[in-house]
C-alpha cells in the first residue's frame, strides 16, 4: 500500500530551513516543496509522462511568490491535463510560445506584413499616403500594441481627436485601412476575429465634396492667369501638360521621357503608375508635342520630363501644381485634379461621345465586353477628341501666350 503524505501547512512551508543538501517536503498528490542549500524553495510536481510513461518534473514556481494554495491549484490543473493525455510541461511551453507570438505581432508589425502584400497594387504616391496616414495618426498611440489586444474602444479613442478636428475623410480612410489590416490578420491566422469591423459607425460620415474645378467658360480666365503668374517654367508646363492630356496629377508629374513615342505621338503610362493598374495610352496633340519640345533643353537629358526642383534626379511632386494654382488665386476654386473635370464637362457639353471621354480619362468600364471593345477601338477616336480639346485650350488662351501654342513665342517666367 502506497504511503500517504501528510499535507503541508503554511507554517511548515514558511519555516523550512536550508540544509547542506537540497531536500523535499511532500504535500501529497505528487506535489513537493524542494528546499535548496541557498534557501530557494521551489514547488515541483512529479508525474508520469502521458506518452513515454517516464517520471518527470514540472516547476510551479518558487515560494513565497507562489503560495501553497496556488501550487495546489496548479497541481489540480496538471492532473486534469494528464487525464486528457496532455503533457503539462508541453502545454505550458505551447501557451508561452503563443503569448510570445502575440506580443511580437504588434499592430505596427502586422501592418508592415499587410502593406508588403498591398503595396504592389497601389500607385507609389497612394502607397506612401496609406502608410504615412497610419504612421502619423495611429502608430504613435497603439502601434506597439499586440494586434490581439487591439479593440474597438481603444481605436475609437485614438481617432476621436481627428474627428473632433473635422478631419472626417481622414477618419473614414483610417477606419478602412485598419479594417483591411485586421482582415489580413484573420486570414493569416494571427487573430481569430476582426474587432474593428464596425468602428466607422462611431463617427459622423464625411460630406462628399467634388474636386474644386472651373466651369468651361472660365477656361480663358485660367489660361490668362497661367500666362501672367509668377511660377517656374517647368511648373507652368506641368499644369498645361495635365490640362491637355487629362491625366491625374501624379501621372502627369511622373511623366518619363522613355514613355513618349514622338514618332506616333503617343504617351504610354505603365500599369505601375496608373490608379487601376492598367496601361493607359494618351494620344498626343501638336500642342502636347510643343510642350515636350519646350522642355527638352531643360530635362531631355534626365529621366523625368518634369524634374524635381530640389532633386532633379526624381520627378516633381504632384502637389506642386496645386500650390501654383493657389498662388494664382484659385484657392478653393480649382485643384490640379479638377482640370480633369473641366475637360470632361467641356467635352460632354460640346457633344463628344461620353464613352470616348471616359476612356480618355482612364475610367474603367465595369462591363467587361465593353471594356475590351473600348481598348481596341477608342484609341483612334480619342486622337480626334484630344486634338479638339487642345485646340479648344489654345483658342481660350488666344492673347495669353499658351506654352503649348507652337505658333507663337510665349513670354516665360522662370524664377
Protein backbone atom coordinates (compact mmCIF):
# COMPACT_ATOMS: atom_id res chain seq x y z
CA UNK A 1 0.00 0.00 0.00
CA UNK A 2 1.37 3.42 -1.02
CA UNK A 3 2.48 5.63 1.80
CA UNK A 4 0.23 8.69 2.20
CA UNK A 5 1.92 12.03 2.84
CA UNK A 6 0.54 14.42 5.35
CA UNK A 7 -0.37 17.72 3.64
CA UNK A 8 1.90 20.62 4.39
CA UNK A 9 0.84 23.66 6.37
CA UNK A 10 1.70 27.26 5.59
CA UNK A 11 3.78 27.38 8.75
CA UNK A 12 5.83 24.34 7.72
CA UNK A 13 6.48 25.84 4.30
CA UNK A 14 7.47 29.22 5.72
CA UNK A 15 9.75 27.80 8.41
CA UNK A 16 11.51 25.18 6.25
CA UNK A 17 15.24 25.82 6.71
CA UNK A 18 18.05 25.13 4.16
CA UNK A 19 20.40 22.20 4.77
CA UNK A 20 23.75 21.12 3.37
CA UNK A 21 21.89 19.26 0.64
CA UNK A 22 18.60 20.00 -1.03
CA UNK A 23 15.59 18.09 0.25
CA UNK A 24 11.89 17.74 -0.47
CA UNK A 25 8.84 18.33 1.71
CA UNK A 26 5.91 16.35 0.28
CA UNK A 27 2.41 17.79 0.21
CA UNK A 28 0.91 14.64 -1.27
CA UNK A 29 -0.61 14.12 -4.69
CA UNK A 30 2.88 14.25 -6.30
CA UNK A 31 3.43 17.87 -5.15
CA UNK A 32 6.54 18.71 -3.14
CA UNK A 33 8.49 21.73 -1.94
CA UNK A 34 12.18 21.45 -2.79
CA UNK A 35 14.42 23.39 -0.42
CA UNK A 36 17.92 24.15 -1.73
CA UNK A 37 21.06 24.93 0.33
CA UNK A 38 20.87 28.59 -0.72
CA UNK A 39 17.37 28.83 0.76
CA UNK A 40 15.40 28.78 -2.51
CA UNK A 41 12.08 26.93 -2.17
CA UNK A 42 10.64 25.54 -5.42
CA UNK A 43 7.29 23.81 -5.99
CA UNK A 44 7.68 20.61 -8.03
CA UNK A 45 5.05 18.31 -9.45
CA UNK A 46 6.34 14.82 -10.24
CA UNK A 47 4.31 12.82 -12.72
CA UNK A 48 4.41 10.07 -15.34
CA UNK A 49 4.73 11.41 -18.90
CA UNK A 50 1.45 10.52 -20.67
CA UNK A 51 3.24 9.09 -23.72
CA UNK A 52 6.63 7.76 -22.51
CA UNK A 53 5.40 6.76 -19.03
CA UNK A 54 8.69 8.08 -17.59
CA UNK A 55 8.90 10.11 -14.42
CA UNK A 56 9.41 13.85 -14.96
CA UNK A 57 9.06 17.11 -13.02
CA UNK A 58 7.44 20.42 -13.76
CA UNK A 59 8.06 23.52 -11.64
CA UNK A 60 5.16 25.64 -10.47
CA UNK A 61 7.41 28.50 -9.30
CA UNK A 62 9.11 29.50 -6.07
CA UNK A 63 7.76 30.25 -2.60
CA UNK A 64 6.68 32.81 -1.41
CA UNK A 65 5.90 34.19 -4.90
CA UNK A 66 3.73 31.10 -5.42
CA UNK A 67 1.82 30.22 -2.26
CA UNK A 68 0.90 26.75 -1.06
CA UNK A 69 -2.69 27.29 -2.19
CA UNK A 70 -1.58 28.38 -5.69
CA UNK A 71 0.76 25.39 -6.00
CA UNK A 72 -2.10 23.05 -5.14
CA UNK A 73 -4.32 24.71 -7.75
CA UNK A 74 -1.58 24.23 -10.36
CA UNK A 75 -1.31 20.56 -9.33
CA UNK A 76 -5.04 20.01 -9.91
CA UNK A 77 -4.85 21.72 -13.31
CA UNK A 78 -1.91 19.48 -14.26
CA UNK A 79 -3.84 16.39 -13.22
CA UNK A 80 -6.76 17.40 -15.43
CA UNK A 81 -4.39 17.75 -18.39
CA UNK A 82 -2.83 14.35 -17.66
CA UNK A 83 -6.30 12.78 -17.59
CA UNK A 84 -6.62 14.04 -21.19
CA UNK A 85 -3.20 12.61 -22.16
CA UNK A 86 -1.72 16.12 -22.34
CA UNK A 87 1.78 16.74 -21.01
CA UNK A 88 1.55 19.75 -18.61
CA UNK A 89 5.06 20.90 -19.47
CA UNK A 90 4.42 20.82 -23.22
CA UNK A 91 1.10 22.57 -22.68
CA UNK A 92 2.76 25.37 -20.72
CA UNK A 93 5.50 25.79 -23.33
CA UNK A 94 2.87 25.98 -26.07
CA UNK A 95 0.99 28.73 -24.21
CA UNK A 96 4.22 30.65 -23.61
CA UNK A 97 5.10 30.42 -27.29
CA UNK A 98 1.64 31.60 -28.29
CA UNK A 99 1.87 34.57 -25.92
CA UNK A 100 5.32 35.45 -27.27
CA UNK A 101 3.98 35.38 -30.81
CA UNK A 102 1.02 37.54 -29.84
CA UNK A 103 3.27 40.14 -28.26
CA UNK A 104 5.66 40.13 -31.21
CA UNK A 105 2.77 40.56 -33.66
CA UNK A 106 2.15 44.19 -32.84
CA UNK A 107 -0.21 46.32 -34.91
CA UNK A 108 2.82 48.00 -36.46
CA UNK A 109 4.47 44.69 -37.37
CA UNK A 110 1.32 43.14 -38.87
CA UNK A 111 0.69 46.37 -40.79
CA UNK A 112 4.14 46.01 -42.36
CA UNK A 113 3.26 42.44 -43.43
CA UNK A 114 -0.09 43.61 -44.82
CA UNK A 115 1.49 46.56 -46.62
CA UNK A 116 4.09 44.33 -48.28
CA UNK A 117 1.20 42.43 -49.90
CA UNK A 118 -0.92 45.54 -50.58
CA UNK A 119 1.77 47.86 -51.95
CA UNK A 120 2.23 46.27 -55.42
CA UNK A 121 -1.42 47.01 -56.22
CA UNK A 122 -1.09 50.73 -55.39
CA UNK A 123 0.46 53.64 -57.21
CA UNK A 124 3.66 54.85 -55.47
CA UNK A 125 2.02 58.11 -54.38
CA UNK A 126 -1.06 56.39 -52.95
CA UNK A 127 1.05 53.73 -51.24
CA UNK A 128 3.01 56.48 -49.49
CA UNK A 129 -0.23 58.17 -48.44
CA UNK A 130 -1.58 54.91 -46.97
CA UNK A 131 1.43 54.12 -44.79
CA UNK A 132 2.07 57.74 -43.76
CA UNK A 133 -1.53 58.17 -42.52
CA UNK A 134 -1.08 55.18 -40.20
CA UNK A 135 2.37 56.28 -39.05
CA UNK A 136 1.08 59.76 -38.26
CA UNK A 137 -2.32 59.11 -36.69
CA UNK A 138 -2.36 55.52 -35.38
CA UNK A 139 1.10 54.09 -34.61
CA UNK A 140 2.16 56.70 -32.00
CA UNK A 141 -0.74 55.59 -29.77
CA UNK A 142 -1.24 51.85 -30.45
CA UNK A 143 1.44 50.81 -32.93
CA UNK A 144 3.34 48.76 -30.33
CA UNK A 145 0.17 47.08 -29.03
CA UNK A 146 -0.14 43.34 -29.79
CA UNK A 147 -2.75 43.11 -32.51
CA UNK A 148 -4.64 40.53 -30.45
CA UNK A 149 -5.19 43.30 -27.87
CA UNK A 150 -6.32 45.99 -30.34
CA UNK A 151 -10.01 46.65 -29.77
CA UNK A 152 -12.77 48.95 -30.93
CA UNK A 153 -12.91 51.10 -27.77
CA UNK A 154 -9.18 51.89 -27.78
CA UNK A 155 -9.04 52.52 -31.53
CA UNK A 156 -12.06 54.83 -31.48
CA UNK A 157 -10.38 56.79 -28.67
CA UNK A 158 -7.31 57.25 -30.89
CA UNK A 159 -9.37 58.53 -33.83
CA UNK A 160 -11.74 60.80 -31.88
CA UNK A 161 -9.40 63.85 -31.84
CA UNK A 162 -9.21 63.70 -35.64
CA UNK A 163 -12.99 63.56 -35.91
CA UNK A 164 -13.33 66.45 -33.45
CA UNK A 165 -10.98 68.50 -35.63
CA UNK A 166 -13.27 67.91 -38.61
CA UNK A 167 -10.96 65.51 -40.45
CA UNK A 168 -13.79 63.09 -41.14
CA UNK A 169 -12.45 61.96 -44.51
CA UNK A 170 -9.14 61.03 -42.86
CA UNK A 171 -11.01 59.12 -40.15
CA UNK A 172 -13.00 57.26 -42.79
CA UNK A 173 -9.85 56.22 -44.67
CA UNK A 174 -8.09 55.14 -41.46
CA UNK A 175 -11.09 53.00 -40.46
CA UNK A 176 -11.00 51.35 -43.88
CA UNK A 177 -7.26 50.69 -43.67
CA UNK A 178 -7.39 49.35 -40.12
CA UNK A 179 -10.19 47.01 -41.16
CA UNK A 180 -8.10 45.74 -44.05
CA UNK A 181 -5.20 45.08 -41.68
CA UNK A 182 -7.45 43.21 -39.26
CA UNK A 183 -9.00 41.13 -42.06
CA UNK A 184 -5.47 40.30 -43.22
CA UNK A 185 -4.65 39.22 -39.65
CA UNK A 186 -7.68 36.93 -39.55
CA UNK A 187 -6.85 35.42 -42.93
CA UNK A 188 -3.23 34.77 -41.92
CA UNK A 189 -4.17 33.21 -38.58
CA UNK A 190 -2.74 35.95 -36.36
CA UNK A 191 -6.12 36.68 -34.72
CA UNK A 192 -9.44 34.84 -34.77
CA UNK A 193 -11.78 37.74 -35.49
CA UNK A 194 -11.85 41.39 -36.51
CA UNK A 195 -12.85 43.60 -33.54
CA UNK A 196 -12.79 46.78 -35.66
CA UNK A 197 -15.45 45.76 -38.17
CA UNK A 198 -17.92 48.46 -37.15
CA UNK A 199 -15.76 51.31 -35.86
CA UNK A 200 -16.64 53.62 -38.75
CA UNK A 201 -20.19 53.75 -37.34
CA UNK A 202 -18.83 55.54 -34.29
CA UNK A 203 -18.07 58.62 -36.38
CA UNK A 204 -20.05 61.06 -38.47
CA UNK A 205 -19.83 60.25 -42.17
CA UNK A 206 -17.92 62.90 -44.17
CA UNK A 207 -19.88 65.02 -46.59
CA UNK A 208 -18.80 64.06 -50.08
CA UNK A 209 -17.27 67.01 -51.90
CA UNK A 210 -16.42 67.23 -55.55
CA UNK A 211 -12.93 68.33 -56.52
CA UNK A 212 -12.89 72.13 -56.91
CA UNK A 213 -12.95 72.93 -60.63
CA UNK A 214 -13.92 75.67 -63.08
CA UNK A 215 -16.83 75.96 -65.45
CA UNK A 216 -15.95 75.59 -69.16
CA UNK A 217 -16.47 79.32 -69.72
CA UNK A 218 -13.72 80.02 -67.14
CA UNK A 219 -11.01 78.28 -69.16
CA UNK A 220 -9.90 81.61 -70.63
CA UNK A 221 -9.53 83.01 -67.12
CA UNK A 222 -7.30 80.09 -66.19
CA UNK A 223 -5.10 80.50 -69.26
CA UNK A 224 -4.82 84.24 -68.63
CA UNK A 225 -3.75 83.65 -65.02
CA UNK A 226 -1.32 80.97 -66.11
CA UNK A 227 0.33 83.26 -68.67
CA UNK A 228 0.94 86.04 -66.15
CA UNK A 229 1.59 84.01 -62.99
CA UNK A 230 4.97 84.20 -61.28
CA UNK A 231 5.60 80.46 -61.39
CA UNK A 232 8.54 78.49 -62.70
CA UNK A 233 8.56 77.41 -66.32
CA UNK A 234 8.54 73.68 -65.54
CA UNK A 235 5.60 74.13 -63.15
CA UNK A 236 3.64 76.04 -65.76
CA UNK A 237 4.44 73.35 -68.34
CA UNK A 238 3.23 70.68 -65.89
CA UNK A 239 -0.13 72.41 -65.42
CA UNK A 240 -0.63 72.80 -69.18
CA UNK A 241 0.53 69.20 -69.79
CA UNK A 242 -2.04 67.90 -67.31
CA UNK A 243 -4.74 70.12 -68.79
CA UNK A 244 -4.09 68.90 -72.36
CA UNK A 245 -3.62 65.21 -71.54
CA UNK A 246 -6.46 64.94 -68.96
CA UNK A 247 -4.43 62.63 -66.70
CA UNK A 248 -4.28 62.57 -62.90
CA UNK A 249 -1.78 64.85 -61.07
CA UNK A 250 0.53 62.01 -60.05
CA UNK A 251 0.55 60.53 -63.55
CA UNK A 252 1.41 63.91 -65.04
CA UNK A 253 4.15 64.78 -62.54
CA UNK A 254 5.81 61.40 -63.03
CA UNK A 255 5.98 61.57 -66.84
CA UNK A 256 9.16 59.92 -68.16
CA UNK A 257 10.87 60.59 -71.45
CA UNK A 258 11.04 56.87 -72.26
CA UNK A 259 7.23 56.73 -72.10
CA UNK A 260 6.92 59.14 -75.03
CA UNK A 261 6.67 57.88 -78.60
CA UNK A 262 7.36 61.01 -80.67
CA UNK A 263 7.03 59.21 -83.99
CA UNK A 264 3.49 58.00 -83.32
CA UNK A 265 2.64 60.87 -80.96
CA UNK A 266 1.64 58.57 -78.10
CA UNK A 267 2.33 58.59 -74.38
CA UNK A 268 2.16 55.14 -72.76
CA UNK A 269 1.76 55.22 -68.99
CA UNK A 270 2.74 51.84 -67.48
CA UNK A 271 0.32 49.99 -65.17
CA UNK A 272 2.50 50.65 -62.12
CA UNK A 273 1.81 54.38 -62.33
CA UNK A 274 -1.91 54.10 -63.03
CA UNK A 275 -4.63 54.13 -60.37
CA UNK A 276 -6.28 50.98 -61.74
CA UNK A 277 -3.01 49.27 -62.59
CA UNK A 278 -3.88 49.18 -66.30
CA UNK A 279 -1.69 50.60 -69.04
CA UNK A 280 -3.05 53.88 -70.39
CA UNK A 281 -2.17 55.27 -73.81
CA UNK A 282 -2.60 59.02 -74.34
CA UNK A 283 -2.73 60.37 -77.91
CA UNK A 284 -0.57 63.50 -78.02
CA UNK A 285 -1.80 66.56 -79.88
CA UNK A 286 0.53 69.01 -81.62
CA UNK A 287 0.21 71.23 -78.57
CA UNK A 288 1.42 68.40 -76.29
CA UNK A 289 4.39 67.77 -78.57
CA UNK A 290 5.17 71.51 -78.45
CA UNK A 291 5.27 71.38 -74.66
CA UNK A 292 7.69 68.45 -74.76
CA UNK A 293 9.94 70.22 -77.29
CA UNK A 294 9.98 73.24 -74.98
CA UNK A 295 11.11 71.04 -72.08
CA UNK A 296 13.76 69.06 -73.96
CA UNK A 297 16.58 71.57 -73.34
CA UNK A 298 15.65 71.60 -69.64
CA UNK A 299 15.11 67.92 -68.85
CA UNK A 300 15.72 65.96 -72.05
CA UNK A 301 18.94 64.56 -70.58
CA UNK A 302 17.14 63.37 -67.44
CA UNK A 303 14.76 60.50 -66.69
CA UNK A 304 11.70 62.62 -65.98
CA UNK A 305 10.08 65.26 -68.13
CA UNK A 306 9.27 67.37 -65.05
CA UNK A 307 12.33 67.04 -62.76
CA UNK A 308 12.11 67.91 -59.11
CA UNK A 309 13.32 71.33 -58.05
CA UNK A 310 15.43 70.14 -55.09
CA UNK A 311 16.38 66.78 -56.57
CA UNK A 312 16.37 66.79 -60.39
CA UNK A 313 17.01 63.05 -60.42
CA UNK A 314 13.43 62.45 -59.36
CA UNK A 315 10.19 63.95 -60.67
CA UNK A 316 8.28 66.99 -59.48
CA UNK A 317 5.92 66.48 -56.55
CA UNK A 318 2.31 66.04 -57.65
CA UNK A 319 1.23 68.73 -55.16
CA UNK A 320 3.37 71.36 -56.93
CA UNK A 321 0.59 72.16 -59.39
CA UNK A 322 -1.88 72.69 -56.53
CA UNK A 323 0.49 75.09 -54.78
CA UNK A 324 0.93 77.05 -58.01
CA UNK A 325 -2.83 77.23 -58.62
CA UNK A 326 -3.32 78.64 -55.11
CA UNK A 327 -0.68 81.29 -55.80
CA UNK A 328 -2.53 82.14 -58.98
CA UNK A 329 -5.69 82.94 -56.97
CA UNK A 330 -7.61 79.68 -57.45
CA UNK A 331 -7.63 78.59 -53.81
CA UNK A 332 -10.84 76.63 -53.05
CA UNK A 333 -11.98 77.04 -56.67
CA UNK A 334 -9.58 74.81 -58.60
CA UNK A 335 -7.16 71.99 -57.82
CA UNK A 336 -4.97 70.07 -60.24
CA UNK A 337 -7.32 67.09 -60.23
CA UNK A 338 -10.16 69.44 -61.12
CA UNK A 339 -8.56 70.01 -64.54
CA UNK A 340 -9.89 66.56 -65.50
CA UNK A 341 -13.41 67.58 -64.52
CA UNK A 342 -13.04 70.78 -66.52
CA UNK A 343 -12.04 68.76 -69.60
CA UNK A 344 -14.82 66.21 -69.10
CA UNK A 345 -17.53 68.84 -68.67
CA UNK A 346 -16.36 70.82 -71.70
CA UNK A 347 -16.17 67.76 -73.96
CA UNK A 348 -19.58 66.50 -72.86
CA UNK A 349 -21.18 69.90 -73.35
CA UNK A 350 -19.81 70.01 -76.91
CA UNK A 351 -21.40 66.68 -77.77
CA UNK A 352 -18.42 64.33 -77.80
CA UNK A 353 -19.08 60.63 -77.22
CA UNK A 354 -19.29 60.07 -73.42
CA UNK A 355 -17.70 56.61 -73.74
CA UNK A 356 -14.71 58.06 -75.56
CA UNK A 357 -14.38 60.77 -72.92
CA UNK A 358 -14.45 58.17 -70.13
CA UNK A 359 -11.78 56.19 -71.96
CA UNK A 360 -9.64 59.32 -72.30
CA UNK A 361 -9.94 59.84 -68.53
CA UNK A 362 -8.78 56.23 -67.96
CA UNK A 363 -12.03 55.38 -66.19
CA UNK A 364 -12.55 51.61 -66.19
CA UNK A 365 -15.81 50.40 -67.70
CA UNK A 366 -17.44 47.87 -65.34
CA UNK A 367 -18.79 45.95 -68.34
CA UNK A 368 -16.01 43.55 -69.38
CA UNK A 369 -17.18 43.23 -73.02
CA UNK A 370 -17.47 46.99 -73.48
CA UNK A 371 -14.11 47.48 -71.77
CA UNK A 372 -12.38 45.17 -74.24
CA UNK A 373 -14.08 46.92 -77.15
CA UNK A 374 -13.14 50.34 -75.82
CA UNK A 375 -9.46 49.42 -75.60
CA UNK A 376 -9.45 48.06 -79.13
CA UNK A 377 -11.47 50.73 -80.87
CA UNK A 378 -11.38 54.01 -78.97
CA UNK A 379 -7.75 54.99 -79.45
CA UNK A 380 -8.30 56.40 -82.96
CA UNK A 381 -11.46 58.19 -81.87
CA UNK A 382 -9.66 59.56 -78.82
CA UNK A 383 -6.98 61.09 -81.06
CA UNK A 384 -9.64 63.34 -82.61
CA UNK A 385 -11.09 64.24 -79.22
CA UNK A 386 -7.66 65.08 -77.78
CA UNK A 387 -6.81 67.25 -80.77
CA UNK A 388 -10.15 69.07 -80.46
CA UNK A 389 -9.53 69.64 -76.73
CA UNK A 390 -6.02 71.03 -77.28
CA UNK A 391 -7.27 73.39 -79.98
CA UNK A 392 -10.07 74.49 -77.67
CA UNK A 393 -7.49 75.28 -74.95
CA UNK A 394 -5.35 77.13 -77.48
CA UNK A 395 -8.33 79.18 -78.58
CA UNK A 396 -9.15 80.06 -74.95
CA UNK A 397 -5.51 81.11 -74.49
CA UNK A 398 -5.50 83.43 -77.52
CA UNK A 399 -3.66 86.56 -76.46
CA UNK A 400 -2.49 84.83 -73.27
CA UNK A 401 0.55 83.02 -74.72
CA UNK A 402 -0.10 79.34 -74.09
CA UNK A 403 3.18 77.44 -73.78
CA UNK A 404 1.64 74.70 -75.93
CA UNK A 405 0.99 77.14 -78.79
CA UNK A 406 3.88 76.36 -81.11
CA UNK A 407 2.84 79.17 -83.44
CA UNK A 408 3.88 81.90 -81.03
CA UNK A 409 6.80 82.59 -78.74
CA UNK A 410 5.35 82.98 -75.22
CA UNK A 411 6.73 85.17 -72.51
CA UNK A 412 8.13 82.78 -69.90
CA UNK A 413 8.61 83.28 -66.20
CA UNK A 414 11.44 81.14 -64.89
CA UNK A 415 12.40 82.05 -61.36
